[in-house]
Amino acid sequence: MSLQKKLINGDIEALEVVYKKYYPKVYGIVLKYCRDRVIGEDMAQEVFMKFWKNKHQIDLSLSIDHQLFVISRNIVYNFLKSQLRQRLMLEEYLKSTRNLKEEEEQEQEYNVEEQLASVHRLIDQLPKKQKEIFKMHRFEGLSYDEIANYYGISKHTVASHLTASMSYLRKNILLKISLLLFLVT
């Protein structure tokens, strides 16, 4: 029986063979893009977890190497997309604060880490399910469908959670800015 058929049948020893053979190559691919060893190790692990989780979708006509490469590429893409989202979210936050305090902000430089920490503190104040769904969508790059499947809920429910999360974050960011302006003037 081929290695791919053994994997499809749930043979854990076949997975160990694949892991030992392909881990260095997968790790090298993800490390090239994330440029952080710890994150690279996590992403490489995620590749093999996704491969195993979706073992019933293994294509016998494609090599294992090719299938792992496709999963790696998708995970790297989602990681980079998540990084971009975080950066865009931070830039949007900074832009909204600049518009309200334009004169003062010309004199001050923002500490990006402090601003990001402030946004993360607000995110941590969200109700548990909203926070998890928000992070899965915004930081992990998961689609509404993927999140809905993970929680066993509808896409509409996912959209409702995300809408409520964004509304809460916008409202609280504006409250903090208003309070700051009140204290300054």
Protein backbone atom coordinates (compact mmCIF):
# COMPACT_ATOMS: atom_id res chain seq x y z
CA MET A 1 0.00 0.00 0.00
CA SER A 2 1.34 3.44 -0.93
CA LEU A 3 2.28 5.99 1.69
CA GLN A 4 -0.54 8.26 0.55
CA LYS A 5 -3.13 5.47 0.94
CA LYS A 6 -1.79 4.70 4.40
CA LEU A 7 -2.20 8.37 5.32
CA ILE A 8 -5.74 8.44 3.97
CA ASN A 9 -6.51 5.38 6.12
CA GLY A 10 -5.21 7.19 9.21
CA ASP A 11 -1.90 5.36 9.64
CA ILE A 12 -0.01 7.46 12.20
CA GLU A 13 3.27 5.72 11.37
CA ALA A 14 2.91 6.92 7.79
CA LEU A 15 2.51 10.46 9.12
CA GLU A 16 5.70 10.05 11.16
CA VAL A 17 7.56 8.97 8.01
CA VAL A 18 6.24 12.00 6.11
CA TYR A 19 7.07 14.32 9.01
CA LYS A 20 10.66 13.09 9.32
CA LYS A 21 11.22 13.24 5.58
CA TYR A 22 9.60 16.60 4.79
CA TYR A 23 9.82 18.69 7.99
CA PRO A 24 13.19 20.29 7.08
CA LYS A 25 11.93 21.34 3.66
CA VAL A 26 8.60 22.67 5.01
CA TYR A 27 10.39 24.52 7.81
CA GLY A 28 12.78 26.07 5.29
CA ILE A 29 9.91 27.30 3.15
CA VAL A 30 7.99 28.97 5.97
CA LEU A 31 11.13 30.36 7.63
CA LYS A 32 12.09 32.07 4.37
CA TYR A 33 8.95 34.23 4.62
CA CYS A 34 8.36 34.67 8.35
CA ARG A 35 12.06 35.14 9.25
CA ASP A 36 11.50 34.05 12.84
CA ARG A 37 12.54 30.58 14.01
CA VAL A 38 9.82 30.18 16.63
CA ILE A 39 7.08 31.36 14.29
CA GLY A 40 8.58 29.18 11.54
CA GLU A 41 8.46 26.12 13.78
CA ASP A 42 4.84 26.86 14.68
CA MET A 43 3.92 27.33 11.04
CA ALA A 44 5.70 24.11 10.01
CA GLN A 45 3.77 22.25 12.72
CA GLU A 46 0.58 23.82 11.44
CA VAL A 47 1.35 22.53 7.94
CA PHE A 48 1.55 18.95 9.17
CA MET A 49 -1.49 19.33 11.43
CA LYS A 50 -3.53 20.62 8.49
CA PHE A 51 -2.18 17.85 6.26
CA TRP A 52 -3.19 15.23 8.83
CA LYS A 53 -6.54 16.84 9.61
CA ASN A 54 -7.40 16.82 5.89
CA LYS A 55 -5.88 13.40 5.17
CA HIS A 56 -9.12 12.30 3.51
CA GLN A 57 -8.47 14.96 0.84
CA ILE A 58 -5.01 13.68 -0.10
CA ASP A 59 -4.77 13.52 -3.88
CA LEU A 60 -3.18 10.26 -5.00
CA SER A 61 -2.24 11.84 -8.33
CA LEU A 62 -0.07 14.50 -6.65
CA SER A 63 3.13 13.94 -4.73
CA ILE A 64 3.17 14.43 -0.97
CA ASP A 65 5.91 17.00 -1.52
CA HIS A 66 3.63 19.05 -3.78
CA GLN A 67 0.67 18.82 -1.40
CA LEU A 68 2.79 19.91 1.57
CA PHE A 69 4.15 22.79 -0.51
CA VAL A 70 0.62 23.98 -1.33
CA ILE A 71 -0.38 23.84 2.35
CA SER A 72 2.85 25.65 3.31
CA ARG A 73 2.23 28.32 0.71
CA ASN A 74 -1.31 28.87 1.98
CA ILE A 75 -0.22 29.07 5.61
CA VAL A 76 2.55 31.53 4.72
CA TYR A 77 0.06 33.56 2.69
CA ASN A 78 -2.38 33.65 5.63
CA PHE A 79 0.45 34.63 7.99
CA LEU A 80 1.57 37.48 5.74
CA LYS A 81 -2.02 38.57 5.25
CA SER A 82 -2.49 38.59 9.03
CA GLN A 83 0.66 40.67 9.48
CA LEU A 84 -0.59 43.11 6.88
CA ARG A 85 -4.00 43.29 8.57
CA GLN A 86 -2.37 44.04 11.91
CA ARG A 87 -0.29 46.76 10.33
CA LEU A 88 -3.27 48.23 8.49
CA MET A 89 -5.38 48.13 11.64
CA LEU A 90 -2.66 49.94 13.54
CA GLU A 91 -2.26 52.49 10.75
CA GLU A 92 -6.04 53.04 10.72
CA TYR A 93 -5.99 53.57 14.47
CA LEU A 94 -3.08 55.99 14.22
CA LYS A 95 -4.76 57.85 11.37
CA SER A 96 -7.99 58.29 13.33
CA THR A 97 -6.09 59.67 16.31
CA ARG A 98 -4.06 62.00 14.05
CA ASN A 99 -7.21 63.46 12.53
CA LEU A 100 -8.54 64.41 15.94
CA LYS A 101 -5.28 65.75 17.35
CA GLU A 102 -3.43 66.91 14.27
CA GLU A 103 -1.58 69.84 15.84
CA GLU A 104 -0.34 67.93 18.89
CA GLU A 105 0.64 64.89 16.91
CA GLN A 106 2.97 66.90 14.72
CA GLU A 107 5.03 67.50 17.86
CA GLN A 108 4.91 63.93 19.16
CA GLU A 109 6.07 60.64 17.77
CA TYR A 110 3.97 57.57 18.34
CA ASN A 111 5.34 54.55 20.02
CA VAL A 112 3.89 51.89 17.74
CA GLU A 113 4.18 49.17 20.35
CA GLU A 114 2.22 51.19 22.91
CA GLN A 115 -0.53 51.92 20.40
CA LEU A 116 -0.72 48.28 19.37
CA ALA A 117 -0.81 47.25 23.05
CA SER A 118 -3.70 49.66 23.59
CA VAL A 119 -5.63 48.10 20.70
CA HIS A 120 -4.86 44.62 22.02
CA ARG A 121 -6.11 45.62 25.50
CA LEU A 122 -9.37 46.73 23.93
CA ILE A 123 -9.58 43.47 22.00
CA ASP A 124 -9.01 41.55 25.23
CA GLN A 125 -12.03 43.33 26.75
CA LEU A 126 -14.35 41.87 24.11
CA PRO A 127 -16.64 39.03 25.16
CA LYS A 128 -14.85 35.68 24.82
CA LYS A 129 -16.54 34.44 21.63
CA GLN A 130 -16.31 37.84 19.91
CA LYS A 131 -12.65 38.11 20.84
CA GLU A 132 -11.87 34.62 19.50
CA ILE A 133 -13.76 35.20 16.25
CA PHE A 134 -12.20 38.65 15.82
CA LYS A 135 -8.67 37.28 16.31
CA MET A 136 -9.29 34.33 13.99
CA HIS A 137 -10.51 36.64 11.24
CA ARG A 138 -8.23 39.66 11.68
CA PHE A 139 -5.00 38.06 12.91
CA GLU A 140 -5.10 34.52 11.59
CA GLY A 141 -6.72 35.46 8.29
CA LEU A 142 -9.51 32.88 8.48
CA SER A 143 -12.58 33.42 6.31
CA TYR A 144 -16.14 33.61 7.59
CA ASP A 145 -16.68 30.06 6.28
CA GLU A 146 -13.64 28.68 8.08
CA ILE A 147 -14.66 30.31 11.35
CA ALA A 148 -18.28 29.19 10.96
CA ASN A 149 -17.13 25.61 10.35
CA TYR A 150 -14.76 25.71 13.32
CA TYR A 151 -17.48 26.84 15.76
CA GLY A 152 -20.38 25.10 14.05
CA ILE A 153 -22.25 28.37 13.55
CA SER A 154 -23.57 30.23 10.51
CA LYS A 155 -21.59 32.77 8.48
CA HIS A 156 -24.21 35.33 9.49
CA THR A 157 -23.44 34.72 13.17
CA VAL A 158 -19.73 35.15 12.44
CA ALA A 159 -20.50 38.43 10.65
CA SER A 160 -22.61 39.60 13.61
CA HIS A 161 -19.79 38.90 16.04
CA LEU A 162 -17.30 40.77 13.85
CA THR A 163 -19.63 43.74 13.41
CA ALA A 164 -20.19 43.96 17.16
CA SER A 165 -16.44 43.69 17.79
CA MET A 166 -15.57 46.47 15.35
CA SER A 167 -18.33 48.68 16.74
CA TYR A 168 -17.01 48.18 20.28
CA LEU A 169 -13.42 48.90 19.24
CA ARG A 170 -14.30 52.04 17.29
CA LYS A 171 -16.47 53.36 20.11
CA ASN A 172 -13.79 52.77 22.74
CA ILE A 173 -10.99 54.19 20.64
CA LEU A 174 -13.05 57.35 20.14
CA LEU A 175 -13.85 57.49 23.88
CA LYS A 176 -10.16 57.33 24.74
CA ILE A 177 -9.36 60.05 22.23
CA SER A 178 -12.21 62.26 23.49
CA LEU A 179 -11.05 61.84 27.08
CA LEU A 180 -7.51 62.73 26.08
CA LEU A 181 -8.68 65.84 24.24
CA PHE A 182 -10.77 66.87 27.26
CA LEU A 183 -7.76 66.52 29.56
CA VAL A 184 -5.47 68.44 27.20
CA THR A 185 -7.79 71.41 26.57
